[in-house]
């Protein structure tokens, strides 16, 4: 009995020491649903439209999507050669973006801006 007691205490002490002293601090997670509920909506849709227009123009999207609704067109490659590239329609883009390109990689805004 005297030999078991120190061993049990050692196991308990090690378990507490290893989990408390060496464990990485846990980050607090924020659930997205309650977070989005705390955001204030714009007073009107006009502010959202203006933000979207500014992003569209600042990111250079108009080069491939003139007027925001192009479904195809002729683009130029880096050498300046005319190359037909299908340009997707932007209506409902949130439902189908990012999409796979013709070569099979997931195209994002950064990649599309480099084309």
PDB file of N, CA and C in Angstrom:
ATOM      1  N   UNK A   1       0.827  -1.193   0.000  1.00  0.00           N
ATOM      2  CA  UNK A   1       0.000   0.000   0.000  1.00  0.00           C
ATOM      3  C   UNK A   1       0.866   1.249   0.000  1.00  0.00           C
ATOM      4  N   UNK A   2       1.946   1.213   0.763  1.00  0.00           N
ATOM      5  CA  UNK A   2       2.809   2.388   0.830  1.00  0.00           C
ATOM      6  C   UNK A   2       3.513   2.654  -0.496  1.00  0.00           C
ATOM      7  N   UNK A   3       3.733   1.606  -1.253  1.00  0.00           N
ATOM      8  CA  UNK A   3       4.383   1.803  -2.547  1.00  0.00           C
ATOM      9  C   UNK A   3       3.389   2.308  -3.588  1.00  0.00           C
ATOM     10  N   UNK A   4       2.145   1.936  -3.498  1.00  0.00           N
ATOM     11  CA  UNK A   4       1.127   2.331  -4.476  1.00  0.00           C
ATOM     12  C   UNK A   4       0.748   3.796  -4.309  1.00  0.00           C
ATOM     13  N   UNK A   5       0.655   4.265  -3.083  1.00  0.00           N
ATOM     14  CA  UNK A   5       0.245   5.641  -2.821  1.00  0.00           C
ATOM     15  C   UNK A   5       1.187   6.666  -3.449  1.00  0.00           C
ATOM     16  N   UNK A   6       2.505   6.577  -3.254  1.00  0.00           N
ATOM     17  CA  UNK A   6       3.380   7.554  -3.912  1.00  0.00           C
ATOM     18  C   UNK A   6       3.298   7.478  -5.432  1.00  0.00           C
ATOM     19  N   UNK A   7       3.111   6.272  -5.960  1.00  0.00           N
ATOM     20  CA  UNK A   7       3.011   6.132  -7.408  1.00  0.00           C
ATOM     21  C   UNK A   7       1.734   6.796  -7.922  1.00  0.00           C
ATOM     22  N   UNK A   8       0.621   6.612  -7.212  1.00  0.00           N
ATOM     23  CA  UNK A   8      -0.636   7.245  -7.607  1.00  0.00           C
ATOM     24  C   UNK A   8      -0.529   8.756  -7.523  1.00  0.00           C
ATOM     25  N   UNK A   9       0.108   9.255  -6.476  1.00  0.00           N
ATOM     26  CA  UNK A   9       0.302  10.705  -6.358  1.00  0.00           C
ATOM     27  C   UNK A   9       1.183  11.236  -7.481  1.00  0.00           C
ATOM     28  N   UNK A  10       2.190  10.462  -7.839  1.00  0.00           N
ATOM     29  CA  UNK A  10       3.070  10.882  -8.930  1.00  0.00           C
ATOM     30  C   UNK A  10       2.309  10.943 -10.247  1.00  0.00           C
ATOM     31  N   UNK A  11       1.443   9.964 -10.492  1.00  0.00           N
ATOM     32  CA  UNK A  11       0.643   9.962 -11.725  1.00  0.00           C
ATOM     33  C   UNK A  11      -0.297  11.153 -11.752  1.00  0.00           C
ATOM     34  N   UNK A  12      -0.968  11.416 -10.645  1.00  0.00           N
ATOM     35  CA  UNK A  12      -1.882  12.563 -10.588  1.00  0.00           C
ATOM     36  C   UNK A  12      -1.134  13.877 -10.750  1.00  0.00           C
ATOM     37  N   UNK A  13       0.013  13.983 -10.113  1.00  0.00           N
ATOM     38  CA  UNK A  13       0.799  15.211 -10.224  1.00  0.00           C
ATOM     39  C   UNK A  13       1.285  15.404 -11.648  1.00  0.00           C
ATOM     40  N   UNK A  14       1.732  14.328 -12.293  1.00  0.00           N
ATOM     41  CA  UNK A  14       2.212  14.435 -13.669  1.00  0.00           C
ATOM     42  C   UNK A  14       1.076  14.799 -14.612  1.00  0.00           C
ATOM     43  N   UNK A  15      -0.091  14.203 -14.403  1.00  0.00           N
ATOM     44  CA  UNK A  15      -1.233  14.500 -15.266  1.00  0.00           C
ATOM     45  C   UNK A  15      -1.620  15.965 -15.151  1.00  0.00           C
ATOM     46  N   UNK A  16      -1.659  16.490 -13.942  1.00  0.00           N
ATOM     47  CA  UNK A  16      -1.986  17.904 -13.765  1.00  0.00           C
ATOM     48  C   UNK A  16      -0.900  18.812 -14.287  1.00  0.00           C
ATOM     49  N   UNK A  17       0.355  18.425 -14.087  1.00  0.00           N
ATOM     50  CA  UNK A  17       1.482  19.240 -14.531  1.00  0.00           C
ATOM     51  C   UNK A  17       1.560  19.277 -16.049  1.00  0.00           C
ATOM     52  N   UNK A  18       1.367  18.113 -16.688  1.00  0.00           N
ATOM     53  CA  UNK A  18       1.530  18.066 -18.135  1.00  0.00           C
ATOM     54  C   UNK A  18       0.384  18.768 -18.852  1.00  0.00           C
ATOM     55  N   UNK A  19      -0.823  18.665 -18.329  1.00  0.00           N
ATOM     56  CA  UNK A  19      -1.940  19.274 -19.044  1.00  0.00           C
ATOM     57  C   UNK A  19      -2.047  20.764 -18.772  1.00  0.00           C
ATOM     58  N   UNK A  20      -1.638  21.210 -17.604  1.00  0.00           N
ATOM     59  CA  UNK A  20      -1.782  22.629 -17.278  1.00  0.00           C
ATOM     60  C   UNK A  20      -0.577  23.444 -17.714  1.00  0.00           C
ATOM     61  N   UNK A  21       0.613  22.949 -17.436  1.00  0.00           N
ATOM     62  CA  UNK A  21       1.808  23.749 -17.684  1.00  0.00           C
ATOM     63  C   UNK A  21       2.218  23.750 -19.147  1.00  0.00           C
ATOM     64  N   UNK A  22       2.033  22.645 -19.832  1.00  0.00           N
ATOM     65  CA  UNK A  22       2.548  22.551 -21.190  1.00  0.00           C
ATOM     66  C   UNK A  22       1.478  22.684 -22.257  1.00  0.00           C
ATOM     67  N   UNK A  23       0.255  22.746 -21.886  1.00  0.00           N
ATOM     68  CA  UNK A  23      -0.798  22.862 -22.890  1.00  0.00           C
ATOM     69  C   UNK A  23      -0.802  24.261 -23.482  1.00  0.00           C
ATOM     70  N   UNK A  24      -1.002  24.327 -24.778  1.00  0.00           N
ATOM     71  CA  UNK A  24      -1.067  25.629 -25.446  1.00  0.00           C
ATOM     72  C   UNK A  24      -2.359  26.321 -25.048  1.00  0.00           C
ATOM     73  N   UNK A  25      -2.317  27.630 -24.889  1.00  0.00           N
ATOM     74  CA  UNK A  25      -3.550  28.338 -24.546  1.00  0.00           C
ATOM     75  C   UNK A  25      -4.566  28.213 -25.682  1.00  0.00           C
ATOM     76  N   UNK A  26      -5.779  27.984 -25.325  1.00  0.00           N
ATOM     77  CA  UNK A  26      -6.827  27.823 -26.320  1.00  0.00           C
ATOM     78  C   UNK A  26      -7.383  29.183 -26.725  1.00  0.00           C
ATOM     79  N   UNK A  27      -7.591  29.356 -28.029  1.00  0.00           N
ATOM     80  CA  UNK A  27      -8.190  30.598 -28.510  1.00  0.00           C
ATOM     81  C   UNK A  27      -9.698  30.529 -28.345  1.00  0.00           C
ATOM     82  N   UNK A  28     -10.268  31.654 -28.068  1.00  0.00           N
ATOM     83  CA  UNK A  28     -11.714  31.713 -27.964  1.00  0.00           C
ATOM     84  C   UNK A  28     -12.287  31.752 -29.372  1.00  0.00           C
ATOM     85  N   UNK A  29     -13.231  30.880 -29.650  1.00  0.00           N
ATOM     86  CA  UNK A  29     -13.836  30.866 -30.973  1.00  0.00           C
ATOM     87  C   UNK A  29     -15.105  31.697 -30.963  1.00  0.00           C
ATOM     88  N   UNK A  30     -15.322  32.367 -32.050  1.00  0.00           N
ATOM     89  CA  UNK A  30     -16.526  33.185 -32.208  1.00  0.00           C
ATOM     90  C   UNK A  30     -17.385  32.516 -33.266  1.00  0.00           C
ATOM     91  N   UNK A  31     -18.597  32.199 -32.932  1.00  0.00           N
ATOM     92  CA  UNK A  31     -19.511  31.606 -33.889  1.00  0.00           C
ATOM     93  C   UNK A  31     -20.019  32.702 -34.818  1.00  0.00           C
ATOM     94  N   UNK A  32     -20.025  32.419 -36.106  1.00  0.00           N
ATOM     95  CA  UNK A  32     -20.312  33.443 -37.107  1.00  0.00           C
ATOM     96  C   UNK A  32     -21.754  33.950 -37.052  1.00  0.00           C
ATOM     97  N   UNK A  33     -22.704  33.098 -36.737  1.00  0.00           N
ATOM     98  CA  UNK A  33     -24.097  33.541 -36.703  1.00  0.00           C
ATOM     99  C   UNK A  33     -24.315  34.701 -35.746  1.00  0.00           C
ATOM    100  N   UNK A  34     -23.949  34.552 -34.468  1.00  0.00           N
ATOM    101  CA  UNK A  34     -24.106  35.675 -33.538  1.00  0.00           C
ATOM    102  C   UNK A  34     -23.262  36.884 -33.932  1.00  0.00           C
ATOM    103  N   UNK A  35     -22.071  36.635 -34.527  1.00  0.00           N
ATOM    104  CA  UNK A  35     -21.230  37.762 -34.950  1.00  0.00           C
ATOM    105  C   UNK A  35     -21.940  38.587 -36.020  1.00  0.00           C
ATOM    106  N   UNK A  36     -22.511  37.921 -37.020  1.00  0.00           N
ATOM    107  CA  UNK A  36     -23.186  38.658 -38.083  1.00  0.00           C
ATOM    108  C   UNK A  36     -24.421  39.388 -37.563  1.00  0.00           C
ATOM    109  N   UNK A  37     -25.038  38.851 -36.523  1.00  0.00           N
ATOM    110  CA  UNK A  37     -26.211  39.514 -35.964  1.00  0.00           C
ATOM    111  C   UNK A  37     -25.839  40.806 -35.256  1.00  0.00           C
ATOM    112  N   UNK A  38     -24.575  40.946 -34.844  1.00  0.00           N
ATOM    113  CA  UNK A  38     -24.157  42.179 -34.178  1.00  0.00           C
ATOM    114  C   UNK A  38     -23.798  43.285 -35.164  1.00  0.00           C
ATOM    115  N   UNK A  39     -23.605  42.932 -36.432  1.00  0.00           N
ATOM    116  CA  UNK A  39     -23.253  43.947 -37.424  1.00  0.00           C
ATOM    117  C   UNK A  39     -24.467  44.798 -37.751  1.00  0.00           C
ATOM    118  N   UNK A  40     -24.226  46.072 -37.960  1.00  0.00           N
ATOM    119  CA  UNK A  40     -25.321  46.973 -38.295  1.00  0.00           C
ATOM    120  C   UNK A  40     -25.518  46.995 -39.805  1.00  0.00           C
ATOM    121  N   UNK A  41     -26.742  46.917 -40.216  1.00  0.00           N
ATOM    122  CA  UNK A  41     -27.055  46.986 -41.642  1.00  0.00           C
ATOM    123  C   UNK A  41     -26.961  48.431 -42.112  1.00  0.00           C
ATOM    124  N   UNK A  42     -26.654  48.582 -43.386  1.00  0.00           N
ATOM    125  CA  UNK A  42     -26.631  49.933 -43.942  1.00  0.00           C
ATOM    126  C   UNK A  42     -28.034  50.520 -43.928  1.00  0.00           C
ATOM    127  N   UNK A  43     -28.083  51.841 -43.943  1.00  0.00           N
ATOM    128  CA  UNK A  43     -29.384  52.498 -43.932  1.00  0.00           C
ATOM    129  C   UNK A  43     -30.143  52.224 -45.222  1.00  0.00           C
ATOM    130  N   UNK A  44     -29.427  52.042 -46.292  1.00  0.00           N
ATOM    131  CA  UNK A  44     -30.084  51.740 -47.558  1.00  0.00           C
ATOM    132  C   UNK A  44     -29.184  50.837 -48.384  1.00  0.00           C
ATOM    133  N   UNK A  45     -29.739  50.262 -49.415  1.00  0.00           N
ATOM    134  CA  UNK A  45     -28.964  49.406 -50.307  1.00  0.00           C
ATOM    135  C   UNK A  45     -27.990  50.230 -51.136  1.00  0.00           C
ATOM    136  N   UNK A  46     -28.229  51.526 -51.234  1.00  0.00           N
ATOM    137  CA  UNK A  46     -27.371  52.384 -52.050  1.00  0.00           C
ATOM    138  C   UNK A  46     -25.927  52.379 -51.562  1.00  0.00           C
ATOM    139  N   UNK A  47     -25.711  52.332 -50.252  1.00  0.00           N
ATOM    140  CA  UNK A  47     -24.346  52.293 -49.728  1.00  0.00           C
ATOM    141  C   UNK A  47     -23.653  50.997 -50.129  1.00  0.00           C
ATOM    142  N   UNK A  48     -24.376  49.898 -50.084  1.00  0.00           N
ATOM    143  CA  UNK A  48     -23.807  48.617 -50.496  1.00  0.00           C
ATOM    144  C   UNK A  48     -23.473  48.623 -51.982  1.00  0.00           C
ATOM    145  N   UNK A  49     -24.345  49.200 -52.775  1.00  0.00           N
ATOM    146  CA  UNK A  49     -24.101  49.292 -54.217  1.00  0.00           C
ATOM    147  C   UNK A  49     -22.877  50.147 -54.488  1.00  0.00           C
ATOM    148  N   UNK A  50     -22.745  51.253 -53.784  1.00  0.00           N
ATOM    149  CA  UNK A  50     -21.582  52.128 -53.970  1.00  0.00           C
ATOM    150  C   UNK A  50     -20.285  51.418 -53.579  1.00  0.00           C
ATOM    151  N   UNK A  51     -20.311  50.637 -52.481  1.00  0.00           N
ATOM    152  CA  UNK A  51     -19.120  49.879 -52.087  1.00  0.00           C
ATOM    153  C   UNK A  51     -18.763  48.843 -53.147  1.00  0.00           C
ATOM    154  N   UNK A  52     -19.764  48.184 -53.690  1.00  0.00           N
ATOM    155  CA  UNK A  52     -19.525  47.191 -54.737  1.00  0.00           C
ATOM    156  C   UNK A  52     -18.951  47.815 -55.994  1.00  0.00           C
ATOM    157  N   UNK A  53     -19.470  48.973 -56.383  1.00  0.00           N
ATOM    158  CA  UNK A  53     -18.942  49.674 -57.558  1.00  0.00           C
ATOM    159  C   UNK A  53     -17.493  50.082 -57.339  1.00  0.00           C
ATOM    160  N   UNK A  54     -17.187  50.563 -56.135  1.00  0.00           N
ATOM    161  CA  UNK A  54     -15.811  50.979 -55.838  1.00  0.00           C
ATOM    162  C   UNK A  54     -14.866  49.779 -55.907  1.00  0.00           C
ATOM    163  N   UNK A  55     -15.261  48.641 -55.338  1.00  0.00           N
ATOM    164  CA  UNK A  55     -14.435  47.436 -55.423  1.00  0.00           C
ATOM    165  C   UNK A  55     -14.256  46.994 -56.867  1.00  0.00           C
ATOM    166  N   UNK A  56     -15.325  46.990 -57.624  1.00  0.00           N
ATOM    167  CA  UNK A  56     -15.293  46.575 -59.027  1.00  0.00           C
ATOM    168  C   UNK A  56     -14.308  47.431 -59.812  1.00  0.00           C
ATOM    169  N   UNK A  57     -14.355  48.737 -59.601  1.00  0.00           N
ATOM    170  CA  UNK A  57     -13.473  49.643 -60.339  1.00  0.00           C
ATOM    171  C   UNK A  57     -12.043  49.601 -59.815  1.00  0.00           C
ATOM    172  N   UNK A  58     -11.854  49.522 -58.501  1.00  0.00           N
ATOM    173  CA  UNK A  58     -10.508  49.540 -57.925  1.00  0.00           C
ATOM    174  C   UNK A  58      -9.724  48.268 -58.216  1.00  0.00           C
ATOM    175  N   UNK A  59     -10.402  47.132 -58.307  1.00  0.00           N
ATOM    176  CA  UNK A  59      -9.718  45.867 -58.561  1.00  0.00           C
ATOM    177  C   UNK A  59      -9.489  45.612 -60.045  1.00  0.00           C
ATOM    178  N   UNK A  60     -10.001  46.475 -60.909  1.00  0.00           N
ATOM    179  CA  UNK A  60      -9.794  46.310 -62.346  1.00  0.00           C
ATOM    180  C   UNK A  60     -10.699  45.277 -62.980  1.00  0.00           C
ATOM    181  N   UNK A  61     -11.815  44.966 -62.343  1.00  0.00           N
ATOM    182  CA  UNK A  61     -12.727  43.955 -62.882  1.00  0.00           C
ATOM    183  C   UNK A  61     -13.318  44.384 -64.221  1.00  0.00           C
ATOM    184  N   UNK A  62     -13.459  45.695 -64.430  1.00  0.00           N
ATOM    185  CA  UNK A  62     -14.054  46.215 -65.656  1.00  0.00           C
ATOM    186  C   UNK A  62     -13.252  45.890 -66.897  1.00  0.00           C
ATOM    187  N   UNK A  63     -11.970  45.521 -66.744  1.00  0.00           N
ATOM    188  CA  UNK A  63     -11.173  45.151 -67.907  1.00  0.00           C
ATOM    189  C   UNK A  63     -11.709  43.913 -68.601  1.00  0.00           C
ATOM    190  N   UNK A  64     -12.224  42.965 -67.841  1.00  0.00           N
ATOM    191  CA  UNK A  64     -12.788  41.738 -68.410  1.00  0.00           C
ATOM    192  C   UNK A  64     -14.307  41.736 -68.386  1.00  0.00           C
ATOM    193  N   UNK A  65     -14.893  42.482 -67.491  1.00  0.00           N
ATOM    194  CA  UNK A  65     -16.348  42.506 -67.321  1.00  0.00           C
ATOM    195  C   UNK A  65     -16.880  43.918 -67.549  1.00  0.00           C
ATOM    196  N   UNK A  66     -16.812  44.445 -68.775  1.00  0.00           N
ATOM    197  CA  UNK A  66     -17.335  45.796 -68.969  1.00  0.00           C
ATOM    198  C   UNK A  66     -18.822  45.854 -68.616  1.00  0.00           C
ATOM    199  N   UNK A  67     -19.193  46.864 -67.889  1.00  0.00           N
ATOM    200  CA  UNK A  67     -20.565  47.088 -67.421  1.00  0.00           C
ATOM    201  C   UNK A  67     -21.040  45.984 -66.479  1.00  0.00           C
ATOM    202  N   UNK A  68     -20.165  45.078 -66.067  1.00  0.00           N
ATOM    203  CA  UNK A  68     -20.500  44.092 -65.049  1.00  0.00           C
ATOM    204  C   UNK A  68     -21.305  42.905 -65.502  1.00  0.00           C
ATOM    205  N   UNK A  69     -21.623  42.779 -66.780  1.00  0.00           N
ATOM    206  CA  UNK A  69     -22.475  41.674 -67.182  1.00  0.00           C
ATOM    207  C   UNK A  69     -21.945  40.864 -68.337  1.00  0.00           C
ATOM    208  N   UNK A  70     -20.665  40.951 -68.639  1.00  0.00           N
ATOM    209  CA  UNK A  70     -20.108  40.254 -69.785  1.00  0.00           C
ATOM    210  C   UNK A  70     -20.196  38.745 -69.598  1.00  0.00           C
ATOM    211  N   UNK A  71     -20.627  38.044 -70.620  1.00  0.00           N
ATOM    212  CA  UNK A  71     -20.663  36.583 -70.552  1.00  0.00           C
ATOM    213  C   UNK A  71     -19.589  35.957 -71.430  1.00  0.00           C
ATOM    214  N   UNK A  72     -18.826  36.735 -72.101  1.00  0.00           N
ATOM    215  CA  UNK A  72     -17.748  36.210 -72.926  1.00  0.00           C
ATOM    216  C   UNK A  72     -17.068  37.365 -73.617  1.00  0.00           C
ATOM    217  N   UNK A  73     -15.925  37.112 -74.153  1.00  0.00           N
ATOM    218  CA  UNK A  73     -15.263  38.194 -74.842  1.00  0.00           C
ATOM    219  C   UNK A  73     -13.905  37.783 -75.331  1.00  0.00           C
ATOM    220  N   UNK A  74     -13.239  38.727 -75.938  1.00  0.00           N
ATOM    221  CA  UNK A  74     -11.904  38.499 -76.451  1.00  0.00           C
ATOM    222  C   UNK A  74     -10.942  39.260 -75.561  1.00  0.00           C
ATOM    223  N   UNK A  75     -10.003  38.543 -75.005  1.00  0.00           N
ATOM    224  CA  UNK A  75      -9.014  39.147 -74.123  1.00  0.00           C
ATOM    225  C   UNK A  75      -7.649  39.090 -74.789  1.00  0.00           C
ATOM    226  N   UNK A  76      -6.696  39.776 -74.197  1.00  0.00           N
ATOM    227  CA  UNK A  76      -5.321  39.748 -74.698  1.00  0.00           C
ATOM    228  C   UNK A  76      -4.433  39.079 -73.656  1.00  0.00           C
ATOM    229  N   UNK A  77      -3.488  38.285 -74.133  1.00  0.00           N
ATOM    230  CA  UNK A  77      -2.555  37.658 -73.204  1.00  0.00           C
ATOM    231  C   UNK A  77      -1.409  38.611 -72.903  1.00  0.00           C
ATOM    232  N   UNK A  78      -0.407  38.146 -72.180  1.00  0.00           N
ATOM    233  CA  UNK A  78       0.697  39.000 -71.749  1.00  0.00           C
ATOM    234  C   UNK A  78       1.446  39.589 -72.938  1.00  0.00           C
ATOM    235  N   UNK A  79       1.559  38.831 -74.023  1.00  0.00           N
ATOM    236  CA  UNK A  79       2.268  39.306 -75.214  1.00  0.00           C
ATOM    237  C   UNK A  79       1.430  40.272 -76.039  1.00  0.00           C
ATOM    238  N   UNK A  80       0.158  40.423 -75.697  1.00  0.00           N
ATOM    239  CA  UNK A  80      -0.718  41.327 -76.426  1.00  0.00           C
ATOM    240  C   UNK A  80      -1.502  40.654 -77.531  1.00  0.00           C
ATOM    241  N   UNK A  81      -1.349  39.336 -77.678  1.00  0.00           N
ATOM    242  CA  UNK A  81      -2.087  38.606 -78.698  1.00  0.00           C
ATOM    243  C   UNK A  81      -3.543  38.474 -78.279  1.00  0.00           C
ATOM    244  N   UNK A  82      -4.436  38.553 -79.265  1.00  0.00           N
ATOM    245  CA  UNK A  82      -5.859  38.397 -78.985  1.00  0.00           C
ATOM    246  C   UNK A  82      -6.149  36.917 -78.760  1.00  0.00           C
ATOM    247  N   UNK A  83      -6.744  36.611 -77.604  1.00  0.00           N
ATOM    248  CA  UNK A  83      -7.061  35.232 -77.234  1.00  0.00           C
ATOM    249  C   UNK A  83      -8.501  35.201 -76.733  1.00  0.00           C
ATOM    250  N   UNK A  84      -9.359  34.367 -77.340  1.00  0.00           N
ATOM    251  CA  UNK A  84     -10.738  34.291 -76.830  1.00  0.00           C
ATOM    252  C   UNK A  84     -10.770  33.562 -75.485  1.00  0.00           C
ATOM    253  N   UNK A  85     -11.215  34.244 -74.471  1.00  0.00           N
ATOM    254  CA  UNK A  85     -11.327  33.676 -73.129  1.00  0.00           C
ATOM    255  C   UNK A  85     -12.771  33.847 -72.678  1.00  0.00           C
ATOM    256  N   UNK A  86     -13.434  32.764 -72.307  1.00  0.00           N
ATOM    257  CA  UNK A  86     -14.803  32.929 -71.819  1.00  0.00           C
ATOM    258  C   UNK A  86     -14.814  33.654 -70.473  1.00  0.00           C
ATOM    259  N   UNK A  87     -15.489  34.748 -70.438  1.00  0.00           N
ATOM    260  CA  UNK A  87     -15.583  35.546 -69.217  1.00  0.00           C
ATOM    261  C   UNK A  87     -16.960  35.299 -68.610  1.00  0.00           C
ATOM    262  N   UNK A  88     -17.019  34.799 -67.368  1.00  0.00           N
ATOM    263  CA  UNK A  88     -18.321  34.469 -66.781  1.00  0.00           C
ATOM    264  C   UNK A  88     -19.145  35.705 -66.447  1.00  0.00           C
ATOM    265  N   UNK A  89     -20.437  35.502 -66.438  1.00  0.00           N
ATOM    266  CA  UNK A  89     -21.375  36.547 -66.042  1.00  0.00           C
ATOM    267  C   UNK A  89     -21.204  36.812 -64.550  1.00  0.00           C
ATOM    268  N   UNK A  90     -21.318  38.054 -64.126  1.00  0.00           N
ATOM    269  CA  UNK A  90     -21.165  38.395 -62.715  1.00  0.00           C
ATOM    270  C   UNK A  90     -22.466  38.324 -61.934  1.00  0.00           C
ATOM    271  N   UNK A  91     -23.587  38.212 -62.621  1.00  0.00           N
ATOM    272  CA  UNK A  91     -24.855  38.089 -61.897  1.00  0.00           C
ATOM    273  C   UNK A  91     -24.886  36.754 -61.168  1.00  0.00           C
ATOM    274  N   UNK A  92     -25.099  36.790 -59.870  1.00  0.00           N
ATOM    275  CA  UNK A  92     -25.117  35.582 -59.053  1.00  0.00           C
ATOM    276  C   UNK A  92     -23.732  35.002 -58.820  1.00  0.00           C
ATOM    277  N   UNK A  93     -22.694  35.825 -58.925  1.00  0.00           N
ATOM    278  CA  UNK A  93     -21.317  35.335 -58.788  1.00  0.00           C
ATOM    279  C   UNK A  93     -21.065  34.694 -57.428  1.00  0.00           C
ATOM    280  N   UNK A  94     -21.755  35.143 -56.401  1.00  0.00           N
ATOM    281  CA  UNK A  94     -21.545  34.563 -55.070  1.00  0.00           C
ATOM    282  C   UNK A  94     -21.933  33.090 -55.038  1.00  0.00           C
ATOM    283  N   UNK A  95     -22.804  32.673 -55.930  1.00  0.00           N
ATOM    284  CA  UNK A  95     -23.240  31.279 -55.958  1.00  0.00           C
ATOM    285  C   UNK A  95     -22.255  30.372 -56.686  1.00  0.00           C
ATOM    286  N   UNK A  96     -21.445  30.928 -57.591  1.00  0.00           N
ATOM    287  CA  UNK A  96     -20.555  30.083 -58.383  1.00  0.00           C
ATOM    288  C   UNK A  96     -19.088  30.515 -58.330  1.00  0.00           C
ATOM    289  N   UNK A  97     -18.689  31.315 -57.365  1.00  0.00           N
ATOM    290  CA  UNK A  97     -17.308  31.787 -57.286  1.00  0.00           C
ATOM    291  C   UNK A  97     -16.679  31.303 -55.994  1.00  0.00           C
ATOM    292  N   UNK A  98     -15.450  30.913 -55.899  1.00  0.00           N
ATOM    293  CA  UNK A  98     -14.515  30.764 -57.020  1.00  0.00           C
ATOM    294  C   UNK A  98     -14.850  29.530 -57.835  1.00  0.00           C
ATOM    295  N   UNK A  99     -14.508  29.576 -59.077  1.00  0.00           N
ATOM    296  CA  UNK A  99     -14.811  28.473 -59.978  1.00  0.00           C
ATOM    297  C   UNK A  99     -13.525  27.893 -60.522  1.00  0.00           C
ATOM    298  N   UNK A 100     -13.627  26.702 -61.057  1.00  0.00           N
ATOM    299  CA  UNK A 100     -12.464  26.088 -61.679  1.00  0.00           C
ATOM    300  C   UNK A 100     -12.254  26.701 -63.052  1.00  0.00           C
ATOM    301  N   UNK A 101     -11.008  26.967 -63.381  1.00  0.00           N
ATOM    302  CA  UNK A 101     -10.701  27.505 -64.701  1.00  0.00           C
ATOM    303  C   UNK A 101     -10.699  26.368 -65.720  1.00  0.00           C
ATOM    304  N   UNK A 102     -10.481  26.716 -66.980  1.00  0.00           N
ATOM    305  CA  UNK A 102     -10.463  25.703 -68.031  1.00  0.00           C
ATOM    306  C   UNK A 102      -9.337  24.698 -67.812  1.00  0.00           C
ATOM    307  N   UNK A 103      -8.242  25.120 -67.185  1.00  0.00           N
ATOM    308  CA  UNK A 103      -7.115  24.216 -66.954  1.00  0.00           C
ATOM    309  C   UNK A 103      -7.247  23.433 -65.652  1.00  0.00           C
ATOM    310  N   UNK A 104      -8.272  23.710 -64.845  1.00  0.00           N
ATOM    311  CA  UNK A 104      -8.541  22.906 -63.667  1.00  0.00           C
ATOM    312  C   UNK A 104      -8.118  23.490 -62.337  1.00  0.00           C
ATOM    313  N   UNK A 105      -7.558  24.703 -62.283  1.00  0.00           N
ATOM    314  CA  UNK A 105      -7.219  25.289 -60.989  1.00  0.00           C
ATOM    315  C   UNK A 105      -8.335  26.217 -60.543  1.00  0.00           C
ATOM    316  N   UNK A 106      -8.417  26.437 -59.251  1.00  0.00           N
ATOM    317  CA  UNK A 106      -9.443  27.324 -58.706  1.00  0.00           C
ATOM    318  C   UNK A 106      -8.994  28.760 -58.910  1.00  0.00           C
ATOM    319  N   UNK A 107      -9.719  29.480 -59.721  1.00  0.00           N
ATOM    320  CA  UNK A 107      -9.364  30.864 -60.027  1.00  0.00           C
ATOM    321  C   UNK A 107      -9.938  31.776 -58.960  1.00  0.00           C
ATOM    322  N   UNK A 108      -9.093  32.647 -58.420  1.00  0.00           N
ATOM    323  CA  UNK A 108      -9.562  33.657 -57.478  1.00  0.00           C
ATOM    324  C   UNK A 108      -9.250  35.037 -58.049  1.00  0.00           C
ATOM    325  N   UNK A 109      -9.593  36.082 -57.330  1.00  0.00           N
ATOM    326  CA  UNK A 109      -9.413  37.434 -57.859  1.00  0.00           C
ATOM    327  C   UNK A 109      -7.950  37.727 -58.146  1.00  0.00           C
ATOM    328  N   UNK A 110      -7.046  37.295 -57.279  1.00  0.00           N
ATOM    329  CA  UNK A 110      -5.625  37.544 -57.509  1.00  0.00           C
ATOM    330  C   UNK A 110      -5.124  36.894 -58.783  1.00  0.00           C
ATOM    331  N   UNK A 111      -5.523  35.650 -59.006  1.00  0.00           N
ATOM    332  CA  UNK A 111      -5.108  34.951 -60.222  1.00  0.00           C
ATOM    333  C   UNK A 111      -5.725  35.608 -61.444  1.00  0.00           C
ATOM    334  N   UNK A 112      -7.002  35.963 -61.357  1.00  0.00           N
ATOM    335  CA  UNK A 112      -7.660  36.570 -62.510  1.00  0.00           C
ATOM    336  C   UNK A 112      -7.049  37.923 -62.845  1.00  0.00           C
ATOM    337  N   UNK A 113      -6.606  38.665 -61.851  1.00  0.00           N
ATOM    338  CA  UNK A 113      -5.977  39.955 -62.120  1.00  0.00           C
ATOM    339  C   UNK A 113      -4.614  39.790 -62.774  1.00  0.00           C
ATOM    340  N   UNK A 114      -3.974  38.633 -62.594  1.00  0.00           N
ATOM    341  CA  UNK A 114      -2.663  38.392 -63.194  1.00  0.00           C
ATOM    342  C   UNK A 114      -2.746  37.896 -64.627  1.00  0.00           C
ATOM    343  N   UNK A 115      -3.941  37.580 -65.116  1.00  0.00           N
ATOM    344  CA  UNK A 115      -4.064  37.063 -66.486  1.00  0.00           C
ATOM    345  C   UNK A 115      -3.810  38.134 -67.507  1.00  0.00           C
TER     346      UNK A 115
END
